[in-house]
């Protein structure tokens, strides 16, 4: 007999969707795996292998976009790490940017998002924290590469000054 579904949370109708619950379960699993791995080069290699395996399981065209994001982020000096079941890229354990597969999330497009440590602040106090990827052209990829490079540099500068926000 299947287990009973979890009761709704007290105080309202706010429930997580099945996709959100799956992402939370995946994140908990990622954290358990990371805790068992310890630190250093072996952990970094295992994290990268997990990210690459996640990318390879993605349907096209998300797989191609994720491969390109992976190349951009790692060339900017960011370390790959699973992040809520999707590829994330960190500097010293703090998430700087992440890729979300649109098809895995049942959305019309994939996204490249940035964590608070990216500090991509713009004058006027308004800036995007994620970008939709729907068949980006070469100019769009160049802009994303520049943003990831800037985010990686800003995250590194924040580490030196102690102002980076943990992700």
N, C-alpha and C. Protein backbone atom coordinates (compact mmCIF):
# COMPACT_ATOMS: atom_id res chain seq x y z
N UNK A 1 0.85 -1.17 0.00
CA UNK A 1 0.00 0.00 0.00
C UNK A 1 0.90 1.24 0.00
N UNK A 2 0.64 2.20 -0.89
CA UNK A 2 1.49 3.40 -0.94
C UNK A 2 1.31 4.23 0.31
N UNK A 3 2.37 4.98 0.68
CA UNK A 3 2.25 5.81 1.88
C UNK A 3 1.24 6.93 1.66
N UNK A 4 0.66 7.36 2.76
CA UNK A 4 -0.30 8.46 2.71
C UNK A 4 0.43 9.74 2.30
N UNK A 5 -0.21 10.58 1.49
CA UNK A 5 0.43 11.86 1.15
C UNK A 5 0.56 12.73 2.39
N UNK A 6 1.55 13.60 2.37
CA UNK A 6 1.73 14.52 3.49
C UNK A 6 0.50 15.41 3.62
N UNK A 7 0.10 15.69 4.87
CA UNK A 7 -1.04 16.59 5.05
C UNK A 7 -0.65 18.00 4.64
N UNK A 8 -1.65 18.81 4.27
CA UNK A 8 -1.33 20.20 3.91
C UNK A 8 -0.75 20.93 5.12
N UNK A 9 0.09 21.93 4.88
CA UNK A 9 0.66 22.68 6.00
C UNK A 9 -0.43 23.42 6.76
N UNK A 10 -0.24 23.62 8.06
CA UNK A 10 -1.26 24.34 8.83
C UNK A 10 -1.33 25.79 8.40
N UNK A 11 -2.54 26.33 8.44
CA UNK A 11 -2.71 27.75 8.21
C UNK A 11 -2.89 28.18 6.78
N UNK A 12 -3.20 27.30 5.85
CA UNK A 12 -3.46 27.78 4.50
C UNK A 12 -3.34 26.73 3.44
N UNK A 13 -3.55 27.18 2.22
CA UNK A 13 -3.52 26.30 1.06
C UNK A 13 -2.14 26.22 0.41
N UNK A 14 -1.16 26.95 0.94
CA UNK A 14 0.17 27.01 0.33
C UNK A 14 0.83 25.65 0.41
N UNK A 15 0.95 25.00 -0.74
CA UNK A 15 1.61 23.70 -0.81
C UNK A 15 2.66 23.77 -1.90
N UNK A 16 3.67 22.96 -1.75
CA UNK A 16 4.68 22.85 -2.79
C UNK A 16 4.13 22.00 -3.93
N UNK A 17 4.51 22.35 -5.15
CA UNK A 17 4.14 21.52 -6.29
C UNK A 17 4.98 20.25 -6.25
N UNK A 18 4.60 19.29 -7.04
CA UNK A 18 5.38 18.05 -7.11
C UNK A 18 6.81 18.34 -7.56
N UNK A 19 6.98 19.26 -8.51
CA UNK A 19 8.33 19.63 -8.98
C UNK A 19 9.14 20.27 -7.87
N UNK A 20 8.50 21.12 -7.07
CA UNK A 20 9.21 21.76 -5.96
C UNK A 20 9.60 20.73 -4.90
N UNK A 21 8.69 19.81 -4.60
CA UNK A 21 9.02 18.75 -3.63
C UNK A 21 10.17 17.89 -4.14
N UNK A 22 10.16 17.57 -5.43
CA UNK A 22 11.25 16.77 -6.01
C UNK A 22 12.57 17.53 -5.93
N UNK A 23 12.55 18.83 -6.19
CA UNK A 23 13.78 19.63 -6.10
C UNK A 23 14.30 19.67 -4.66
N UNK A 24 13.40 19.79 -3.70
CA UNK A 24 13.82 19.80 -2.30
C UNK A 24 14.41 18.45 -1.89
N UNK A 25 13.78 17.35 -2.34
CA UNK A 25 14.33 16.02 -2.04
C UNK A 25 15.71 15.86 -2.68
N UNK A 26 15.85 16.33 -3.91
CA UNK A 26 17.13 16.24 -4.60
C UNK A 26 18.20 17.05 -3.87
N UNK A 27 17.84 18.24 -3.41
CA UNK A 27 18.80 19.08 -2.69
C UNK A 27 19.22 18.41 -1.39
N UNK A 28 18.29 17.82 -0.66
CA UNK A 28 18.63 17.11 0.57
C UNK A 28 19.58 15.95 0.27
N UNK A 29 19.32 15.24 -0.81
CA UNK A 29 20.19 14.15 -1.22
C UNK A 29 21.58 14.67 -1.58
N UNK A 30 21.64 15.81 -2.29
CA UNK A 30 22.93 16.41 -2.65
C UNK A 30 23.72 16.76 -1.40
N UNK A 31 23.06 17.35 -0.43
CA UNK A 31 23.76 17.74 0.80
C UNK A 31 24.28 16.53 1.56
N UNK A 32 23.52 15.44 1.59
CA UNK A 32 24.00 14.22 2.25
C UNK A 32 25.21 13.66 1.52
N UNK A 33 25.16 13.63 0.17
CA UNK A 33 26.31 13.13 -0.60
C UNK A 33 27.54 14.01 -0.37
N UNK A 34 27.35 15.31 -0.37
CA UNK A 34 28.48 16.22 -0.18
C UNK A 34 29.10 16.06 1.20
N UNK A 35 28.27 15.83 2.21
CA UNK A 35 28.80 15.64 3.56
C UNK A 35 29.65 14.37 3.64
N UNK A 36 29.27 13.34 2.92
CA UNK A 36 30.04 12.08 2.92
C UNK A 36 31.35 12.21 2.15
N UNK A 37 31.41 13.15 1.22
CA UNK A 37 32.58 13.27 0.36
C UNK A 37 33.76 13.95 1.03
N UNK A 38 33.54 14.66 2.08
CA UNK A 38 34.65 15.38 2.70
C UNK A 38 34.97 16.64 1.93
N UNK A 39 36.26 16.92 1.80
CA UNK A 39 36.70 18.16 1.14
C UNK A 39 37.81 17.87 0.15
N UNK A 40 38.18 18.88 -0.59
CA UNK A 40 39.34 18.78 -1.46
C UNK A 40 39.05 18.32 -2.87
N UNK A 41 40.12 17.83 -3.50
CA UNK A 41 40.07 17.48 -4.93
C UNK A 41 39.09 16.34 -5.21
N UNK A 42 39.01 15.35 -4.33
CA UNK A 42 38.10 14.23 -4.56
C UNK A 42 36.65 14.71 -4.56
N UNK A 43 36.32 15.60 -3.65
CA UNK A 43 34.95 16.14 -3.60
C UNK A 43 34.67 16.96 -4.85
N UNK A 44 35.62 17.79 -5.26
CA UNK A 44 35.44 18.62 -6.45
C UNK A 44 35.22 17.75 -7.68
N UNK A 45 35.99 16.68 -7.80
CA UNK A 45 35.84 15.78 -8.95
C UNK A 45 34.48 15.09 -8.93
N UNK A 46 34.04 14.66 -7.75
CA UNK A 46 32.74 14.00 -7.63
C UNK A 46 31.60 14.98 -7.93
N UNK A 47 31.73 16.22 -7.46
CA UNK A 47 30.71 17.24 -7.75
C UNK A 47 30.63 17.51 -9.25
N UNK A 48 31.79 17.63 -9.91
CA UNK A 48 31.78 17.87 -11.35
C UNK A 48 31.18 16.68 -12.09
N UNK A 49 31.50 15.47 -11.66
CA UNK A 49 30.92 14.29 -12.31
C UNK A 49 29.40 14.28 -12.16
N UNK A 50 28.90 14.67 -10.98
CA UNK A 50 27.44 14.75 -10.77
C UNK A 50 26.81 15.78 -11.70
N UNK A 51 27.45 16.94 -11.82
CA UNK A 51 26.91 18.00 -12.69
C UNK A 51 26.90 17.53 -14.14
N UNK A 52 27.99 16.93 -14.59
CA UNK A 52 28.05 16.46 -15.97
C UNK A 52 27.02 15.37 -16.24
N UNK A 53 26.81 14.48 -15.27
CA UNK A 53 25.78 13.45 -15.43
C UNK A 53 24.39 14.07 -15.51
N UNK A 54 24.14 15.09 -14.71
CA UNK A 54 22.86 15.80 -14.75
C UNK A 54 22.65 16.42 -16.12
N UNK A 55 23.69 17.05 -16.64
CA UNK A 55 23.59 17.68 -17.96
C UNK A 55 23.29 16.63 -19.03
N UNK A 56 23.96 15.49 -18.97
CA UNK A 56 23.76 14.45 -19.98
C UNK A 56 22.36 13.85 -19.93
N UNK A 57 21.69 13.90 -18.78
CA UNK A 57 20.32 13.39 -18.67
C UNK A 57 19.28 14.38 -19.19
N UNK A 58 19.68 15.61 -19.45
CA UNK A 58 18.72 16.63 -19.90
C UNK A 58 18.31 16.37 -21.35
N UNK A 59 17.05 16.68 -21.67
CA UNK A 59 16.63 16.58 -23.07
C UNK A 59 17.21 17.75 -23.87
N UNK A 60 17.32 17.55 -25.17
CA UNK A 60 17.74 18.66 -26.04
C UNK A 60 16.57 19.63 -26.15
N UNK A 61 16.78 20.89 -26.34
CA UNK A 61 18.04 21.60 -26.50
C UNK A 61 18.66 22.06 -25.19
N UNK A 62 18.03 21.68 -24.04
CA UNK A 62 18.57 22.09 -22.75
C UNK A 62 19.98 21.55 -22.53
N UNK A 63 20.22 20.33 -22.99
CA UNK A 63 21.54 19.71 -22.80
C UNK A 63 22.63 20.56 -23.46
N UNK A 64 22.38 20.99 -24.68
CA UNK A 64 23.37 21.81 -25.39
C UNK A 64 23.58 23.14 -24.67
N UNK A 65 22.51 23.77 -24.22
CA UNK A 65 22.63 25.04 -23.50
C UNK A 65 23.38 24.83 -22.18
N UNK A 66 23.07 23.76 -21.47
CA UNK A 66 23.74 23.49 -20.19
C UNK A 66 25.23 23.22 -20.41
N UNK A 67 25.57 22.52 -21.47
CA UNK A 67 26.99 22.30 -21.77
C UNK A 67 27.70 23.62 -22.00
N UNK A 68 27.05 24.53 -22.71
CA UNK A 68 27.67 25.83 -22.99
C UNK A 68 27.80 26.65 -21.71
N UNK A 69 26.78 26.65 -20.87
CA UNK A 69 26.85 27.35 -19.59
C UNK A 69 27.99 26.75 -18.74
N UNK A 70 28.09 25.42 -18.74
CA UNK A 70 29.16 24.75 -17.98
C UNK A 70 30.53 25.23 -18.46
N UNK A 71 30.72 25.30 -19.76
CA UNK A 71 32.01 25.74 -20.30
C UNK A 71 32.29 27.19 -19.91
N UNK A 72 31.28 28.05 -19.99
CA UNK A 72 31.45 29.46 -19.63
C UNK A 72 31.80 29.59 -18.15
N UNK A 73 31.04 28.91 -17.30
CA UNK A 73 31.24 29.06 -15.85
C UNK A 73 32.59 28.50 -15.40
N UNK A 74 32.96 27.33 -15.91
CA UNK A 74 34.23 26.75 -15.48
C UNK A 74 35.41 27.54 -16.03
N UNK A 75 35.26 28.14 -17.22
CA UNK A 75 36.36 28.96 -17.76
C UNK A 75 36.50 30.26 -16.97
N UNK A 76 35.45 30.67 -16.25
CA UNK A 76 35.52 31.85 -15.39
C UNK A 76 36.08 31.50 -14.01
N UNK A 77 36.46 30.24 -13.82
CA UNK A 77 37.05 29.82 -12.55
C UNK A 77 36.06 29.35 -11.51
N UNK A 78 34.81 29.13 -11.90
CA UNK A 78 33.81 28.66 -10.95
C UNK A 78 33.81 27.13 -10.92
N UNK A 79 33.53 26.59 -9.75
CA UNK A 79 33.53 25.14 -9.56
C UNK A 79 32.11 24.60 -9.69
N UNK A 80 31.92 23.54 -10.50
CA UNK A 80 30.58 22.96 -10.63
C UNK A 80 30.18 22.20 -9.37
N UNK A 81 28.89 22.30 -9.04
CA UNK A 81 28.34 21.58 -7.89
C UNK A 81 26.84 21.43 -8.10
N UNK A 82 26.29 20.26 -7.82
CA UNK A 82 24.84 20.11 -7.95
C UNK A 82 24.13 21.13 -7.06
N UNK A 83 23.05 21.70 -7.59
CA UNK A 83 22.31 22.73 -6.88
C UNK A 83 20.82 22.52 -7.16
N UNK A 84 20.11 21.97 -6.20
CA UNK A 84 18.69 21.63 -6.34
C UNK A 84 18.45 20.75 -7.56
N UNK A 85 19.33 19.79 -7.79
CA UNK A 85 19.16 18.84 -8.88
C UNK A 85 19.58 19.37 -10.24
N UNK A 86 20.14 20.55 -10.29
CA UNK A 86 20.55 21.18 -11.54
C UNK A 86 22.00 21.64 -11.39
N UNK A 87 22.66 22.01 -12.49
CA UNK A 87 24.05 22.48 -12.39
C UNK A 87 24.16 23.84 -11.69
N UNK A 88 25.03 23.89 -10.70
CA UNK A 88 25.35 25.14 -10.02
C UNK A 88 26.85 25.38 -10.12
N UNK A 89 27.25 26.61 -9.96
CA UNK A 89 28.67 26.98 -10.10
C UNK A 89 29.04 27.88 -8.93
N UNK A 90 30.10 27.51 -8.23
CA UNK A 90 30.43 28.15 -6.97
C UNK A 90 31.85 28.72 -6.97
N UNK A 91 32.05 29.62 -6.05
CA UNK A 91 33.39 30.08 -5.71
C UNK A 91 33.51 29.82 -4.21
N UNK A 92 34.42 28.94 -3.84
CA UNK A 92 34.65 28.56 -2.44
C UNK A 92 33.35 28.17 -1.73
N UNK A 93 32.54 27.38 -2.41
CA UNK A 93 31.33 26.85 -1.80
C UNK A 93 30.11 27.74 -1.86
N UNK A 94 30.26 28.97 -2.31
CA UNK A 94 29.13 29.89 -2.41
C UNK A 94 28.62 29.91 -3.84
N UNK A 95 27.32 29.66 -4.02
CA UNK A 95 26.75 29.61 -5.36
C UNK A 95 26.79 31.00 -5.98
N UNK A 96 27.40 31.06 -7.16
CA UNK A 96 27.47 32.30 -7.92
C UNK A 96 26.41 32.31 -9.01
N UNK A 97 26.29 31.18 -9.75
CA UNK A 97 25.27 31.09 -10.79
C UNK A 97 24.82 29.64 -10.92
N UNK A 98 23.68 29.45 -11.60
CA UNK A 98 23.12 28.11 -11.74
C UNK A 98 22.28 28.06 -13.01
N UNK A 99 22.15 26.86 -13.54
CA UNK A 99 21.34 26.61 -14.74
C UNK A 99 20.11 25.82 -14.33
N UNK A 100 18.96 26.19 -14.86
CA UNK A 100 17.73 25.43 -14.65
C UNK A 100 17.21 24.98 -16.00
N UNK A 101 17.02 23.68 -16.14
CA UNK A 101 16.47 23.13 -17.37
C UNK A 101 14.98 23.43 -17.45
N UNK A 102 14.58 24.12 -18.50
CA UNK A 102 13.17 24.45 -18.67
C UNK A 102 12.31 23.21 -18.84
N UNK A 103 12.80 22.26 -19.60
CA UNK A 103 12.01 21.05 -19.82
C UNK A 103 11.90 20.21 -18.55
N UNK A 104 12.95 20.16 -17.75
CA UNK A 104 12.88 19.42 -16.49
C UNK A 104 11.91 20.09 -15.52
N UNK A 105 11.77 21.42 -15.63
CA UNK A 105 10.86 22.16 -14.77
C UNK A 105 9.49 22.39 -15.41
N UNK A 106 9.25 21.77 -16.59
CA UNK A 106 7.99 21.94 -17.32
C UNK A 106 7.72 23.41 -17.64
N UNK A 107 8.77 24.12 -18.03
CA UNK A 107 8.67 25.52 -18.42
C UNK A 107 9.03 25.65 -19.89
N UNK A 108 8.71 26.78 -20.49
CA UNK A 108 8.98 26.95 -21.92
C UNK A 108 10.42 27.29 -22.23
N UNK A 109 11.19 27.73 -21.20
CA UNK A 109 12.59 28.05 -21.47
C UNK A 109 13.44 27.70 -20.25
N UNK A 110 14.71 27.50 -20.48
CA UNK A 110 15.66 27.30 -19.40
C UNK A 110 16.09 28.65 -18.88
N UNK A 111 16.75 28.66 -17.72
CA UNK A 111 17.22 29.92 -17.16
C UNK A 111 18.64 29.78 -16.63
N UNK A 112 19.36 30.88 -16.67
CA UNK A 112 20.65 31.02 -16.00
C UNK A 112 20.41 32.04 -14.90
N UNK A 113 20.56 31.61 -13.65
CA UNK A 113 20.31 32.49 -12.52
C UNK A 113 21.59 32.81 -11.78
N UNK A 114 21.55 33.88 -11.01
CA UNK A 114 22.70 34.32 -10.23
C UNK A 114 22.33 34.41 -8.76
N UNK A 115 23.23 33.94 -7.90
CA UNK A 115 23.05 34.03 -6.46
C UNK A 115 23.43 35.41 -5.95
N UNK A 116 23.12 35.70 -4.68
CA UNK A 116 23.42 37.02 -4.12
C UNK A 116 24.91 37.37 -4.15
N UNK A 117 25.79 36.39 -4.12
CA UNK A 117 27.22 36.68 -4.12
C UNK A 117 27.70 37.19 -5.47
N UNK A 118 26.87 37.08 -6.50
CA UNK A 118 27.27 37.56 -7.83
C UNK A 118 27.39 39.09 -7.85
N UNK A 119 26.67 39.77 -7.00
CA UNK A 119 26.66 41.24 -6.90
C UNK A 119 26.71 41.93 -8.26
N UNK A 120 25.74 41.63 -9.08
CA UNK A 120 25.63 42.26 -10.39
C UNK A 120 24.79 43.55 -10.31
N UNK A 121 24.92 44.23 -9.19
CA UNK A 121 24.14 45.43 -8.92
C UNK A 121 24.28 46.45 -10.05
N UNK A 122 23.16 47.06 -10.36
CA UNK A 122 23.10 48.10 -11.40
C UNK A 122 22.70 49.41 -10.75
N UNK A 123 23.10 50.53 -11.35
CA UNK A 123 22.64 51.82 -10.83
C UNK A 123 21.11 51.88 -10.83
N UNK A 124 20.57 52.51 -9.84
CA UNK A 124 19.12 52.63 -9.74
C UNK A 124 18.51 51.53 -8.88
N UNK A 125 19.31 50.54 -8.49
CA UNK A 125 18.83 49.51 -7.57
C UNK A 125 17.95 48.44 -8.19
N UNK A 126 17.99 48.26 -9.51
CA UNK A 126 17.17 47.25 -10.18
C UNK A 126 18.03 46.50 -11.18
N UNK A 127 18.06 45.16 -11.08
CA UNK A 127 18.79 44.34 -12.04
C UNK A 127 18.21 42.94 -12.03
N UNK A 128 18.34 42.24 -13.14
CA UNK A 128 17.81 40.87 -13.20
C UNK A 128 18.71 39.90 -12.43
N UNK A 129 18.07 38.90 -11.84
CA UNK A 129 18.82 37.84 -11.16
C UNK A 129 18.81 36.54 -11.94
N UNK A 130 18.04 36.49 -13.03
CA UNK A 130 18.08 35.32 -13.91
C UNK A 130 17.72 35.75 -15.32
N UNK A 131 18.16 34.93 -16.26
CA UNK A 131 17.96 35.21 -17.68
C UNK A 131 17.34 33.99 -18.34
N UNK A 132 16.32 34.22 -19.15
CA UNK A 132 15.68 33.14 -19.91
C UNK A 132 16.59 32.76 -21.07
N UNK A 133 16.71 31.47 -21.31
CA UNK A 133 17.50 30.96 -22.44
C UNK A 133 16.56 30.23 -23.38
N UNK A 134 16.18 30.91 -24.43
CA UNK A 134 15.29 30.33 -25.43
C UNK A 134 15.96 30.54 -26.79
N UNK A 135 16.76 29.57 -27.18
CA UNK A 135 17.54 29.63 -28.42
C UNK A 135 18.41 30.89 -28.50
N UNK A 136 19.30 31.10 -27.51
CA UNK A 136 20.15 32.30 -27.54
C UNK A 136 21.08 32.29 -28.75
N UNK A 137 21.29 33.48 -29.32
CA UNK A 137 22.21 33.60 -30.44
C UNK A 137 23.63 33.88 -29.90
N UNK A 138 24.59 34.03 -30.79
CA UNK A 138 25.98 34.22 -30.37
C UNK A 138 26.15 35.48 -29.53
N UNK A 139 25.42 36.54 -29.89
CA UNK A 139 25.51 37.77 -29.11
C UNK A 139 25.01 37.55 -27.68
N UNK A 140 23.92 36.81 -27.54
CA UNK A 140 23.38 36.52 -26.21
C UNK A 140 24.37 35.69 -25.40
N UNK A 141 24.99 34.70 -26.02
CA UNK A 141 25.99 33.89 -25.31
C UNK A 141 27.18 34.74 -24.88
N UNK A 142 27.58 35.68 -25.72
CA UNK A 142 28.69 36.57 -25.36
C UNK A 142 28.30 37.43 -24.15
N UNK A 143 27.06 37.95 -24.14
CA UNK A 143 26.59 38.73 -22.99
C UNK A 143 26.55 37.89 -21.73
N UNK A 144 26.06 36.65 -21.85
CA UNK A 144 26.02 35.76 -20.68
C UNK A 144 27.42 35.45 -20.18
N UNK A 145 28.35 35.23 -21.12
CA UNK A 145 29.74 34.98 -20.72
C UNK A 145 30.33 36.15 -19.96
N UNK A 146 30.04 37.37 -20.41
CA UNK A 146 30.52 38.56 -19.72
C UNK A 146 29.89 38.68 -18.33
N UNK A 147 28.59 38.37 -18.22
CA UNK A 147 27.91 38.43 -16.92
C UNK A 147 28.48 37.41 -15.95
N UNK A 148 28.71 36.18 -16.43
CA UNK A 148 29.27 35.14 -15.55
C UNK A 148 30.68 35.55 -15.13
N UNK A 149 31.48 36.06 -16.06
CA UNK A 149 32.82 36.51 -15.71
C UNK A 149 32.79 37.62 -14.68
N UNK A 150 31.87 38.57 -14.86
CA UNK A 150 31.73 39.66 -13.89
C UNK A 150 31.28 39.13 -12.54
N UNK A 151 30.31 38.22 -12.54
CA UNK A 151 29.81 37.64 -11.30
C UNK A 151 30.92 36.88 -10.57
N UNK A 152 31.72 36.12 -11.31
CA UNK A 152 32.82 35.37 -10.69
C UNK A 152 33.85 36.31 -10.09
N UNK A 153 34.15 37.40 -10.79
CA UNK A 153 35.12 38.38 -10.31
C UNK A 153 34.59 39.10 -9.08
N UNK A 154 33.30 39.50 -9.13
CA UNK A 154 32.70 40.18 -7.99
C UNK A 154 32.63 39.27 -6.78
N UNK A 155 32.32 37.97 -7.00
CA UNK A 155 32.26 37.03 -5.89
C UNK A 155 33.63 36.87 -5.26
N UNK A 156 34.66 36.82 -6.09
CA UNK A 156 36.02 36.70 -5.57
C UNK A 156 36.41 37.95 -4.79
N UNK A 157 36.06 39.13 -5.31
CA UNK A 157 36.36 40.38 -4.61
C UNK A 157 35.62 40.43 -3.27
N UNK A 158 34.39 39.96 -3.27
CA UNK A 158 33.61 39.93 -2.01
C UNK A 158 34.25 39.02 -0.97
N UNK A 159 34.85 37.91 -1.44
CA UNK A 159 35.55 37.02 -0.51
C UNK A 159 36.74 37.73 0.13
N UNK A 160 37.46 38.49 -0.67
CA UNK A 160 38.65 39.19 -0.15
C UNK A 160 38.28 40.24 0.87
N UNK A 161 37.11 40.88 0.68
CA UNK A 161 36.70 41.94 1.60
C UNK A 161 35.78 41.43 2.70
N UNK A 162 35.37 40.17 2.57
CA UNK A 162 34.48 39.59 3.57
C UNK A 162 33.02 39.96 3.39
N UNK A 163 32.65 40.47 2.20
CA UNK A 163 31.27 40.90 1.99
C UNK A 163 30.44 39.95 1.15
N UNK A 164 30.99 38.78 0.79
CA UNK A 164 30.23 37.83 -0.02
C UNK A 164 29.08 37.26 0.81
N UNK A 165 27.95 37.10 0.17
CA UNK A 165 26.77 36.53 0.81
C UNK A 165 26.77 35.03 0.56
N UNK A 166 26.67 34.18 1.59
CA UNK A 166 26.68 32.73 1.37
C UNK A 166 25.48 32.29 0.56
N UNK A 167 25.66 31.27 -0.30
CA UNK A 167 24.56 30.79 -1.15
C UNK A 167 24.04 29.48 -0.79
